[in-house]
Amino acid sequence: MPIDGDDGFFPTSGNELKPEVVNSSRKYRVRVLVCAPSNSALDEIVLRILNTGIRDENDRAYSPKIVRIGLKAHHSVQAVSMDYLVEQRLSGMDSQAGDRQKQGGPVKDKDSIRASILDEAVIVFSTLSFSASPVFTKLNRGFDVVIIDEAAQAVGDPVQLPATVISPIAGKFGYCVSLFERFQRAGYPVQMLKTQYRMHPEIRNFPSREFYEEALEDGPDVEEQTKRSWHEYRCFGPFCFFDIHEGKESQPSGSGSWQNVDEVEFVLAIYHKLVSRYPALKSSSRLAIISPYRHQVKLLRQKFRETFGVESDKVVDINTVDGFQGREKDVAIFSCVRSSKDKGIGFVADYRRMNVGITRARSSVLVVGSASTLRRDARWQNLVECAEQSNALYKVSKPYNEFFSQENLKLMEVEAHDKPEGPPEDMDIDVPIAAEAFQAAPPEENDWGGDAGDDGGYDED
C-alpha cells in the first residue's frame, strides 16, 4: 500500500469519472471490498451508502466511485450495479465504435469494460460467493480492506436462516450444520450482541423471549424513533396477528409449494388501506410483503401487478423470507399461507424462518395466517398467545375489505392521549383495487422459480 505522498490510486467521485479531491495530507484513499452473505443484504448496504454518503477522517462528506457487482441487484441500487454501468458505457460508445470499425480500430468488449469499471471503483460491493468469481482475477490492483457484513450469518447464525442444503444425504452427514454451530457445540465462547437498534420494542418482545432467552435490549430512544402515525390504529400497531379463519391453502398441480388466495386478498386489503391513509408507505423502500412460499410470492406479485401495473415492483417489495434476510422495512406484512383442518404447517415450523420473517420490520409487523392451524406448532402457539395477551389478535371474516371500514377503524382507534406523533401522512388518496385481482393464479410448474429479487428459499413440503 502506498505511503503518504507516494503516487497512489486517486479514486473518482460518483459515476462522473472525475478525479476525487482529497482534502487531506494523506493523498491515498484505501480501496475497499464490502461483502455480505446474500444479494438482499448487500443491496441494503449499498442503498444506505447511496442515501447517506460517506465521511472521511475529517468528518467531511464525499461520494466515492462505487460499484455493486453480482446478480439480482434491486432496482433501488441499479444506478451503481455493474450490468447497468456496462450498458451505459456501451450506449455511449455506439457511435464511436462505428467510427473505429470503419478505421479498423479495436472495439472494447464487455469483459474489458467490466474490468475498467472495477479498476476505477473505490468501493466494490459483492456477495461472498461472487467475490470468488473470475472477474476479480483480472483486477490491476487488489483491495486494502475487506469488510464482511453479518459474518456470523456467513458461517451460520443458529437462530437465523441456515445455508440451503438440497441433498438429504448431505444433510444426513451433517453438511447442514454450520461452522458457527460446530464451534458453539465444541464449547467455544460465544459473545452475543444484545442491544438492538432496529425495531419497536413491541416487535422485539416476542423474538427476544422465544429465541434469545429474553436477552435482547433496546438501544436508546428506539421506541421514539420507531413510532409512526399509523400506530394511531391498533390494527396497524407495532405487532398484530390477523386470523384468517376461513382461509384455505392450496397446492398447484405438480408443485411442492403452497398458496393461499384468501390471505392474498386480505394482504391486498391491508396494503390498500395503509397506502390510502399514509401515502409515504407507497414505496418499496418502506413496505414489504413476505411469505415462506415461492408460489405465494408469485401470486402476490401477479395480483399487485394487475392492480398497479408495471411500476408495482417500486410500489411494494414482495419476496420470500430467505430473500429478506439482512434487510428491513418500516412495515412488513407476513403471509403464513398454511391453513387446514388436520395437516401440518411444513417448513413454516422452521423457527429460524419464523425469526427472520417477523424481525424485518422497524415499526410494524402484521402477521396474516390461520391461528388454529399455526397453533399446532409450539412456537407459533406462543406467538398467537403473545398477540392475544397484547390485545393484538384480530379474527377476520369475509368480505375482507369490510374489516377496514370506517366504522371498524373508529373502534380500533387508539385513545387520543396514547396516539403517537408522526409526520403528516394522513391524507387520503385513491388507490383502486381491481375486483378481478382476487382470483386464483394458474398453477406454476417450476417451484424453484428464479424470479428477480428472490434470494434463496425453497419449498420442501
Foldseek 3Di string as FASTA:
>chain_A
DDFQPDDDDFAPAEPPRHGDDDPDSRRDDFAEEEAEAWLLLLLQVLLVCVVPADADPVRDGTGTQEAEEDPQRAPSNLVRYLVNSLVVVCVVCVVVVVVCVVVVHDDDDSLVVSQVSVQNGRYYYYYPVCVPDCSQVSHPDDGPYYHYPPVCVNQNDPLADFDDDDDPVCVVVPPRQGPSNVCVVVPNDDDDDAEDQFAAVLLVVQCLVPPVVVRHDYDPCLNLVLAAQVCQFLQFFAEFEEAAQPWAKDDAPQDLFIAILSLLLLVVLVVQVVCQFFVVLQFQQAEEEEEQFLVHLVLNVVLQCVQPNPCSCGRHPYEYLLLCVNAAHQEYEYEHRDHDDDDASACSLVSNSVSSRSPRHHTHYYYYYHLVRQCVRPSSVVVQVSCVVVVRYHYADPPSNCCPDPVNRVVRGDPPVPRRDHPNRRHGDDRDRDPVSSDDDHGDNDRVDPDRSYIDHGRDD
